[in-house]
């Protein structure tokens, strides 16, 4: 950590992309407080009136790039042509962290697995655990201010964040790869390149480090849990596969798991109104995620689906929709960017489509009118949110807010 601090003292650091979830703003604040000369670049002119310019790149000595910015961005290519270092803040934290790092990645299950690990470790080592990474509103560099007196840093890592790990040749001390399904194919040219970034979570580990890949849910089949679905058994298995090798007592882990409830926006029960249960699974931005949610819903349900494309295959989702005996009705939310999907859905289960909506209130209203006591209304879109919303969390918050008015 001290080595990193010495490297940024009085250096010109450009934050390239603030990010709509606030991480860049936090990194800017941290760097300024620790002696760097900082400028901010963002294509959103309300965040940075100057926008993104070549002169910013020419000025900078170090660029810290938002993970959502692709490597082939013209200004990033300009920086690399000038041999200027381009980092992501989470990669810098993992490289210089003075405490052991636990990293979790995968197409699904990252957040829940991180939360489970954190909860169990906090029960064993109270006040000695920090968590961060791919978490909305958190600054990865600010984690450096939290490490004093801590034992582990538990990190959720996206493929975009892991991409820079190849450049620095780093991996967390302990790592879990929950699973890999097609995702982000609007950013990656193929599944191979997507998987390559996921694999960075362990490729550069050192002797004595631990790597868990595709945890087996059968290893925790007898564990008591409030979390629905086989996919959550996989998350619990990932947690236990790692923590059992860190000498964590099984009794403690079981006690924590038995009380653990769903995270916000992940198959989260928001309310029960007139006997109808409203579930928010807005982080379901892929077809496989929606499949898991549909399979985990135990009552008859009305499904809200739709959004923006990530160029992912959806044939398996259509098959699940076709055979799921509890699926009662469908509301399509947003559709202009996914005509192939909506046409296929109409051809297969057109009799179950209640209507089309262009807003959360409209979608919830349509679903509620068709729901009966004992039914569930499930928001599990299977697609990204950028057609109508800032991000999936904006979509989820709007759902929660409207349901509470019913």
Protein backbone atom coordinates (compact mmCIF):
# COMPACT_ATOMS: atom_id res chain seq x y z
CA UNK A 1 0.00 0.00 0.00
CA UNK A 2 2.79 2.43 0.88
CA UNK A 3 4.40 1.62 -2.46
CA UNK A 4 1.20 2.58 -4.27
CA UNK A 5 0.86 5.79 -2.28
CA UNK A 6 4.38 6.78 -3.22
CA UNK A 7 3.60 6.14 -6.90
CA UNK A 8 0.66 8.58 -6.97
CA UNK A 9 2.17 11.42 -4.94
CA UNK A 10 1.99 14.62 -7.03
CA UNK A 11 1.24 12.55 -10.14
CA UNK A 12 -1.31 13.65 -12.74
CA UNK A 13 -4.06 11.03 -12.54
CA UNK A 14 -7.01 10.97 -14.93
CA UNK A 15 -10.22 9.23 -13.83
CA UNK A 16 -11.57 8.06 -17.18
CA UNK A 17 -15.29 7.44 -16.66
CA UNK A 18 -16.99 8.39 -13.40
CA UNK A 19 -19.61 5.67 -13.78
CA UNK A 20 -23.30 6.00 -13.01
CA UNK A 21 -22.90 3.99 -9.80
CA UNK A 22 -20.50 6.42 -8.15
CA UNK A 23 -17.26 4.46 -7.93
CA UNK A 24 -15.28 6.96 -10.00
CA UNK A 25 -16.37 9.85 -7.83
CA UNK A 26 -15.17 8.01 -4.74
CA UNK A 27 -11.85 7.17 -6.37
CA UNK A 28 -11.42 10.82 -7.33
CA UNK A 29 -11.96 11.91 -3.74
CA UNK A 30 -9.55 9.30 -2.39
CA UNK A 31 -6.77 10.15 -4.84
CA UNK A 32 -7.08 13.87 -4.13
CA UNK A 33 -6.92 13.27 -0.39
CA UNK A 34 -3.77 11.16 -0.83
CA UNK A 35 -1.67 13.58 -2.81
CA UNK A 36 -2.51 12.99 -6.47
CA UNK A 37 -3.35 15.76 -8.96
CA UNK A 38 -6.65 14.56 -10.35
CA UNK A 39 -8.77 15.31 -13.38
CA UNK A 40 -12.05 13.65 -14.34
CA UNK A 41 -13.20 12.61 -17.79
CA UNK A 42 -16.69 11.38 -18.64
CA UNK A 43 -18.89 11.34 -21.72
CA UNK A 44 -21.85 12.42 -19.57
CA UNK A 45 -21.63 16.21 -19.77
CA UNK A 46 -23.74 16.64 -16.64
CA UNK A 47 -20.99 14.85 -14.72
CA UNK A 48 -18.06 16.40 -16.59
CA UNK A 49 -18.82 19.50 -18.72
CA UNK A 50 -15.49 19.09 -20.50
CA UNK A 51 -16.47 15.62 -21.70
CA UNK A 52 -13.66 13.34 -22.89
CA UNK A 53 -10.79 14.89 -24.82
CA UNK A 54 -7.38 14.06 -26.24
CA UNK A 55 -5.85 16.85 -24.17
CA UNK A 56 -6.89 15.04 -20.99
CA UNK A 57 -5.01 11.94 -22.09
CA UNK A 58 -1.98 14.00 -23.10
CA UNK A 59 -1.99 15.71 -19.67
CA UNK A 60 -2.21 12.55 -17.59
CA UNK A 61 0.66 10.45 -16.27
CA UNK A 62 -1.65 7.68 -15.00
CA UNK A 63 -5.14 6.75 -16.22
CA UNK A 64 -7.62 4.93 -14.00
CA UNK A 65 -10.30 3.58 -16.29
CA UNK A 66 -13.86 2.72 -15.39
CA UNK A 67 -14.20 -1.04 -16.07
CA UNK A 68 -17.18 -0.36 -18.35
CA UNK A 69 -14.91 1.49 -20.78
CA UNK A 70 -13.68 -0.88 -23.49
CA UNK A 71 -9.97 -1.23 -24.27
CA UNK A 72 -10.56 -0.17 -27.86
CA UNK A 73 -11.94 3.23 -26.88
CA UNK A 74 -10.04 5.70 -29.08
CA UNK A 75 -8.76 7.72 -26.13
CA UNK A 76 -7.61 4.62 -24.26
CA UNK A 77 -5.77 3.54 -27.40
CA UNK A 78 -4.21 7.00 -27.50
CA UNK A 79 -3.01 6.59 -23.91
CA UNK A 80 -1.49 3.20 -24.66
CA UNK A 81 0.22 4.55 -27.78
CA UNK A 82 1.96 7.01 -25.44
CA UNK A 83 2.93 4.14 -23.10
CA UNK A 84 0.86 5.59 -20.28
CA UNK A 85 -0.28 3.11 -17.62
CA UNK A 86 -4.01 2.35 -17.69
CA UNK A 87 -5.41 0.69 -14.58
CA UNK A 88 -8.72 -0.14 -12.93
CA UNK A 89 -9.00 0.78 -9.28
CA UNK A 90 -9.97 -2.71 -8.09
CA UNK A 91 -6.91 -4.22 -9.78
CA UNK A 92 -4.74 -1.70 -7.95
CA UNK A 93 -6.35 -2.63 -4.64
CA UNK A 94 -5.77 -6.35 -5.16
CA UNK A 95 -2.15 -5.71 -6.19
CA UNK A 96 -1.28 -3.55 -3.18
CA UNK A 97 -3.70 -4.77 -0.50
CA UNK A 98 -1.95 -5.45 2.81
CA UNK A 99 -4.65 -7.97 3.80
CA UNK A 100 -5.59 -11.27 2.20
CA UNK A 101 -8.09 -10.88 -0.62
CA UNK A 102 -11.01 -13.19 -1.39
CA UNK A 103 -12.39 -12.74 -4.90
CA UNK A 104 -15.65 -14.07 -6.29
CA UNK A 105 -16.68 -13.99 -9.94
CA UNK A 106 -19.10 -15.79 -12.22
CA UNK A 107 -22.01 -14.99 -14.47
CA UNK A 108 -24.45 -15.55 -11.63
CA UNK A 109 -24.15 -15.71 -7.85
CA UNK A 110 -21.32 -13.25 -7.26
CA UNK A 111 -23.15 -10.88 -4.94
CA UNK A 112 -24.88 -13.54 -2.86
CA UNK A 113 -21.70 -15.60 -2.48
CA UNK A 114 -19.75 -12.50 -1.41
CA UNK A 115 -22.46 -11.61 1.10
CA UNK A 116 -22.51 -15.16 2.51
CA UNK A 117 -18.71 -15.26 2.88
CA UNK A 118 -18.69 -11.83 4.50
CA UNK A 119 -21.46 -12.72 6.93
CA UNK A 120 -19.80 -15.95 8.06
CA UNK A 121 -16.34 -14.41 8.38
CA UNK A 122 -17.80 -11.45 10.29
CA UNK A 123 -19.35 -13.91 12.74
CA UNK A 124 -15.93 -15.48 13.31
CA UNK A 125 -13.83 -12.31 13.12
CA UNK A 126 -16.10 -9.43 14.22
CA UNK A 127 -15.02 -6.06 12.82
CA UNK A 128 -12.14 -7.57 10.84
CA UNK A 129 -13.78 -8.05 7.43
CA UNK A 130 -14.28 -5.55 4.60
CA UNK A 131 -16.08 -6.08 1.32
CA UNK A 132 -16.17 -4.22 -1.97
CA UNK A 133 -15.54 -4.45 -5.68
CA UNK A 134 -18.44 -4.61 -8.11
CA UNK A 135 -20.87 -3.05 -5.64
CA UNK A 136 -22.93 0.02 -6.49
CA UNK A 137 -21.80 3.26 -4.87
CA UNK A 138 -18.47 1.97 -3.58
CA UNK A 139 -14.98 3.22 -4.36
CA UNK A 140 -12.40 0.49 -4.73
CA UNK A 141 -9.49 2.78 -3.81
CA UNK A 142 -11.24 3.83 -0.61
CA UNK A 143 -10.88 0.22 0.56
CA UNK A 144 -7.26 1.11 1.36
CA UNK A 145 -8.56 3.31 4.20
CA UNK A 146 -10.48 0.37 5.69
CA UNK A 147 -7.76 -2.29 5.86
CA UNK A 148 -6.10 -1.35 9.16
CA UNK A 149 -6.69 -4.12 11.68
CA UNK A 150 -8.61 -6.25 9.17
CA UNK A 151 -8.10 -9.91 8.30
CA UNK A 152 -9.78 -10.34 4.91
CA UNK A 153 -11.12 -8.22 2.06
CA UNK A 154 -14.00 -9.97 0.27
CA UNK A 155 -14.45 -8.72 -3.30
CA UNK A 156 -17.09 -9.17 -5.96
CA UNK A 157 -15.31 -9.06 -9.33
CA UNK A 158 -16.94 -8.61 -12.73
CA UNK A 159 -15.34 -9.75 -15.97
CA UNK A 160 -14.75 -6.10 -16.88
CA UNK A 161 -12.88 -5.55 -13.62
CA UNK A 162 -10.87 -8.74 -14.05
CA UNK A 163 -9.73 -7.72 -17.52
CA UNK A 164 -7.00 -5.47 -16.11
CA UNK A 165 -5.79 -8.30 -13.86
CA UNK A 166 -4.14 -9.81 -16.96
CA UNK A 167 -2.10 -6.63 -17.44
CA UNK A 168 -0.91 -6.55 -13.83
CA UNK A 169 -0.62 -10.36 -13.59
CA UNK A 170 -2.49 -10.48 -10.31
CA UNK A 171 -5.21 -12.64 -8.79
CA UNK A 172 -6.83 -12.67 -5.32
CA UNK A 173 -5.29 -14.92 -2.69
CA UNK A 174 -8.49 -16.94 -2.52
CA UNK A 175 -10.87 -17.17 -5.46
CA UNK A 176 -14.23 -18.64 -6.43
CA UNK A 177 -15.60 -18.97 -9.97
CA UNK A 178 -19.30 -19.69 -9.43
CA UNK A 179 -20.27 -20.51 -13.02
CA UNK A 180 -20.00 -19.25 -16.60
CA UNK A 181 -22.95 -18.69 -18.91
CA UNK A 182 -23.23 -16.44 -21.98
CA UNK A 183 -23.18 -12.78 -20.97
CA UNK A 184 -21.94 -9.40 -22.20
CA UNK A 185 -21.69 -10.57 -25.80
CA UNK A 186 -22.45 -7.00 -26.81
CA UNK A 187 -19.00 -6.18 -25.36
CA UNK A 188 -17.05 -9.39 -25.98
CA UNK A 189 -16.50 -10.78 -29.46
CA UNK A 190 -17.12 -14.35 -28.28
CA UNK A 191 -17.52 -16.55 -25.23
CA UNK A 192 -13.82 -17.42 -25.25
CA UNK A 193 -12.76 -13.84 -24.58
CA UNK A 194 -15.43 -13.45 -21.89
CA UNK A 195 -14.26 -16.64 -20.20
CA UNK A 196 -10.63 -15.54 -20.44
CA UNK A 197 -11.37 -12.49 -18.31
CA UNK A 198 -13.29 -14.59 -15.78
CA UNK A 199 -10.35 -16.99 -15.51
CA UNK A 200 -8.07 -14.11 -14.49
CA UNK A 201 -9.44 -14.58 -10.99
CA UNK A 202 -7.01 -17.49 -10.53
CA UNK A 203 -4.49 -17.47 -13.40
CA UNK A 204 -1.90 -15.47 -11.47
CA UNK A 205 -2.31 -17.00 -8.03
CA UNK A 206 0.77 -17.99 -6.07
CA UNK A 207 1.62 -21.28 -4.32
CA UNK A 208 -0.61 -21.68 -1.28
CA UNK A 209 -3.48 -19.69 -2.77
CA UNK A 210 -6.89 -21.35 -3.12
CA UNK A 211 -9.19 -21.60 -6.14
CA UNK A 212 -12.72 -23.04 -6.14
CA UNK A 213 -14.39 -23.65 -9.53
CA UNK A 214 -18.06 -24.46 -10.15
CA UNK A 215 -19.02 -25.46 -6.58
CA UNK A 216 -21.23 -28.53 -6.25
CA UNK A 217 -24.62 -27.82 -4.58
CA UNK A 218 -24.84 -31.44 -3.43
CA UNK A 219 -22.13 -30.72 -0.84
CA UNK A 220 -24.61 -28.59 1.13
CA UNK A 221 -27.80 -30.46 0.30
CA UNK A 222 -28.70 -30.86 4.00
CA UNK A 223 -28.12 -27.21 4.94
CA UNK A 224 -31.09 -25.21 6.16
CA UNK A 225 -31.64 -22.00 4.18
CA UNK A 226 -34.27 -19.40 3.37
CA UNK A 227 -32.75 -18.81 -0.06
CA UNK A 228 -34.82 -20.27 -2.92
CA UNK A 229 -33.58 -22.34 -5.83
CA UNK A 230 -30.75 -24.70 -6.71
CA UNK A 231 -28.61 -21.74 -7.77
CA UNK A 232 -28.52 -20.52 -4.17
CA UNK A 233 -27.38 -23.97 -3.09
CA UNK A 234 -24.49 -23.41 -5.49
CA UNK A 235 -23.75 -20.07 -3.82
CA UNK A 236 -23.77 -21.68 -0.37
CA UNK A 237 -21.55 -24.48 -1.68
CA UNK A 238 -19.06 -21.95 -3.02
CA UNK A 239 -18.92 -20.18 0.31
CA UNK A 240 -18.41 -23.40 2.24
CA UNK A 241 -15.91 -24.92 -0.21
CA UNK A 242 -13.66 -21.96 0.47
CA UNK A 243 -14.29 -21.28 4.14
CA UNK A 244 -13.91 -24.94 5.14
CA UNK A 245 -10.33 -24.67 3.84
CA UNK A 246 -9.81 -21.57 5.98
CA UNK A 247 -10.69 -23.53 9.15
CA UNK A 248 -14.04 -21.82 9.69
CA UNK A 249 -16.34 -23.82 12.02
CA UNK A 250 -19.16 -25.54 10.15
CA UNK A 251 -21.60 -24.84 12.98
CA UNK A 252 -21.04 -21.10 12.60
CA UNK A 253 -21.49 -21.26 8.83
CA UNK A 254 -24.73 -23.23 9.19
CA UNK A 255 -26.10 -20.75 11.74
CA UNK A 256 -25.42 -17.80 9.46
CA UNK A 257 -26.86 -19.51 6.39
CA UNK A 258 -30.06 -20.48 8.22
CA UNK A 259 -30.86 -16.80 8.88
CA UNK A 260 -29.54 -15.35 5.63
CA UNK A 261 -32.16 -13.75 3.37
CA UNK A 262 -32.07 -12.67 -0.28
CA UNK A 263 -30.06 -9.58 -1.18
CA UNK A 264 -31.80 -6.49 -2.55
CA UNK A 265 -32.87 -6.88 -6.19
CA UNK A 266 -32.16 -10.62 -6.22
CA UNK A 267 -35.41 -12.56 -5.92
CA UNK A 268 -36.26 -10.13 -3.13
CA UNK A 269 -39.79 -10.22 -1.71
CA UNK A 270 -40.92 -6.61 -1.69
CA UNK A 271 -44.49 -6.87 -0.46
CA UNK A 272 -47.60 -9.00 -0.19
CA UNK A 273 -50.66 -7.01 -1.26
CA UNK A 274 -54.15 -8.55 -1.19
CA UNK A 275 -52.57 -11.99 -1.15
CA UNK A 276 -50.29 -11.28 -4.13
CA UNK A 277 -46.51 -11.51 -3.57
CA UNK A 278 -44.27 -9.06 -5.44
CA UNK A 279 -40.71 -10.24 -6.10
CA UNK A 280 -37.91 -8.03 -7.44
CA UNK A 281 -35.22 -9.84 -9.42
CA UNK A 282 -34.09 -6.86 -11.51
CA UNK A 283 -30.46 -8.05 -11.55
CA UNK A 284 -31.66 -10.84 -13.81
CA UNK A 285 -30.09 -9.32 -16.93
CA UNK A 286 -29.45 -12.59 -18.76
CA UNK A 287 -31.71 -15.41 -19.95
CA UNK A 288 -30.03 -17.94 -17.64
CA UNK A 289 -30.74 -15.70 -14.65
CA UNK A 290 -34.41 -15.55 -15.57
CA UNK A 291 -34.50 -19.34 -15.95
CA UNK A 292 -33.21 -19.71 -12.39
CA UNK A 293 -35.86 -17.30 -11.10
CA UNK A 294 -38.70 -18.96 -12.99
CA UNK A 295 -37.67 -22.36 -11.69
CA UNK A 296 -37.38 -21.08 -8.11
CA UNK A 297 -40.87 -19.51 -8.02
CA UNK A 298 -43.09 -22.03 -6.23
CA UNK A 299 -46.54 -20.46 -6.76
CA UNK A 300 -48.43 -19.54 -9.91
CA UNK A 301 -46.92 -16.30 -11.19
CA UNK A 302 -47.06 -13.46 -13.65
CA UNK A 303 -43.70 -12.66 -15.17
CA UNK A 304 -42.42 -9.21 -16.18
CA UNK A 305 -39.72 -9.60 -18.85
CA UNK A 306 -37.95 -7.48 -21.46
CA UNK A 307 -35.34 -4.77 -21.85
CA UNK A 308 -32.18 -4.15 -23.85
CA UNK A 309 -30.16 -6.75 -25.71
CA UNK A 310 -26.72 -8.09 -24.75
CA UNK A 311 -26.68 -10.36 -27.81
CA UNK A 312 -27.24 -13.47 -25.70
CA UNK A 313 -28.93 -16.70 -26.79
CA UNK A 314 -32.40 -17.12 -25.31
CA UNK A 315 -33.53 -20.51 -26.66
CA UNK A 316 -33.20 -22.20 -23.25
CA UNK A 317 -35.33 -19.48 -21.69
CA UNK A 318 -38.03 -19.99 -24.30
CA UNK A 319 -38.02 -23.71 -23.56
CA UNK A 320 -38.43 -23.03 -19.84
CA UNK A 321 -41.28 -20.63 -20.54
CA UNK A 322 -42.95 -23.24 -22.72
CA UNK A 323 -42.89 -26.00 -20.07
CA UNK A 324 -43.10 -24.10 -16.77
CA UNK A 325 -46.41 -25.22 -15.22
CA UNK A 326 -46.67 -22.26 -12.82
CA UNK A 327 -46.30 -19.48 -15.42
CA UNK A 328 -49.72 -17.85 -15.60
CA UNK A 329 -49.12 -14.65 -17.54
CA UNK A 330 -46.45 -12.45 -19.12
CA UNK A 331 -45.99 -8.69 -19.27
CA UNK A 332 -43.39 -7.44 -21.75
CA UNK A 333 -41.53 -4.37 -20.45
CA UNK A 334 -39.66 -2.53 -23.18
CA UNK A 335 -39.30 -4.24 -26.53
CA UNK A 336 -37.87 -1.97 -29.20
CA UNK A 337 -34.38 -3.53 -29.05
CA UNK A 338 -35.41 -7.19 -28.76
CA UNK A 339 -37.91 -7.90 -31.55
CA UNK A 340 -36.56 -11.40 -32.24
CA UNK A 341 -37.16 -12.37 -28.62
CA UNK A 342 -40.62 -10.85 -28.34
CA UNK A 343 -41.69 -12.40 -31.65
CA UNK A 344 -40.49 -15.81 -30.52
CA UNK A 345 -42.23 -15.38 -27.15
CA UNK A 346 -45.46 -14.46 -28.92
CA UNK A 347 -45.23 -17.51 -31.18
CA UNK A 348 -44.62 -19.91 -28.32
CA UNK A 349 -46.87 -18.59 -25.52
CA UNK A 350 -48.81 -15.76 -27.11
CA UNK A 351 -51.93 -16.75 -25.17
CA UNK A 352 -50.14 -15.92 -21.91
CA UNK A 353 -49.04 -12.41 -22.90
CA UNK A 354 -51.17 -9.97 -20.92
CA UNK A 355 -49.81 -6.84 -22.51
CA UNK A 356 -46.87 -4.57 -23.33
CA UNK A 357 -45.57 -1.81 -21.08
CA UNK A 358 -43.16 1.08 -21.46
CA UNK A 359 -42.77 1.85 -17.75
CA UNK A 360 -42.66 0.06 -14.40
CA UNK A 361 -46.04 1.47 -13.23
CA UNK A 362 -47.68 0.30 -16.44
CA UNK A 363 -46.11 -3.16 -16.18
CA UNK A 364 -47.08 -3.61 -12.53
CA UNK A 365 -50.62 -2.41 -13.20
CA UNK A 366 -51.09 -4.93 -16.01
CA UNK A 367 -49.72 -7.76 -13.88
CA UNK A 368 -51.75 -6.80 -10.81
CA UNK A 369 -55.02 -6.71 -12.75
CA UNK A 370 -54.48 -10.31 -13.82
CA UNK A 371 -53.22 -11.61 -10.47
CA UNK A 372 -55.31 -13.50 -7.95
CA UNK A 373 -54.77 -14.22 -4.29
CA UNK A 374 -51.87 -16.63 -3.92
CA UNK A 375 -50.16 -15.53 -7.12
CA UNK A 376 -46.70 -14.00 -7.42
CA UNK A 377 -45.69 -11.10 -9.65
CA UNK A 378 -42.07 -11.65 -10.65
CA UNK A 379 -39.85 -8.96 -12.14
CA UNK A 380 -37.04 -11.02 -13.67
CA UNK A 381 -36.40 -9.31 -17.02
CA UNK A 382 -33.69 -11.54 -18.57
CA UNK A 383 -32.31 -8.46 -20.34
CA UNK A 384 -30.28 -5.33 -19.62
CA UNK A 385 -32.14 -2.18 -18.58
CA UNK A 386 -30.67 0.59 -20.68
CA UNK A 387 -33.63 0.89 -23.01
CA UNK A 388 -35.77 2.57 -20.33
CA UNK A 389 -33.61 2.95 -17.22
CA UNK A 390 -30.20 4.17 -16.04
CA UNK A 391 -29.28 0.65 -14.97
CA UNK A 392 -30.84 -2.45 -13.44
CA UNK A 393 -30.86 -0.88 -9.98
CA UNK A 394 -32.83 2.10 -11.25
CA UNK A 395 -35.30 -0.40 -12.72
CA UNK A 396 -35.47 -2.23 -9.41
CA UNK A 397 -35.92 0.88 -7.30
CA UNK A 398 -38.78 2.04 -9.53
CA UNK A 399 -40.43 -1.35 -9.09
CA UNK A 400 -40.10 -1.19 -5.31
CA UNK A 401 -41.38 2.37 -5.12
CA UNK A 402 -44.44 1.66 -7.21
CA UNK A 403 -45.35 -1.60 -5.47
CA UNK A 404 -45.33 0.22 -2.15
CA UNK A 405 -48.01 2.61 -3.44
CA UNK A 406 -50.47 -0.18 -4.27
